Amino acid sequence: MAIIDSAKANYILSILKGIEYGSVVITVHDGTITQIDKTEKTRFSQQKKYTPKEQK
């Protein structure tokens, strides 16, 4: 079972509260959290596809 102190728990919670789209990866070695990675994604609204006019 992983050992987690309150500082690490608070850090993880702050990441989760601040991310809208993405992922959080927690790396554990010998039952201790050694690394936390955050990947945040930005979503843009979809626009109509561009279709070039026919050339004459």
Foldseek 3Di string as FASTA:
>chain_A
DADDDPVRVVVVVVLVVPADDWDWDFDDDPRYTDDIDTDHDDDDDDDDDDDDDDDD
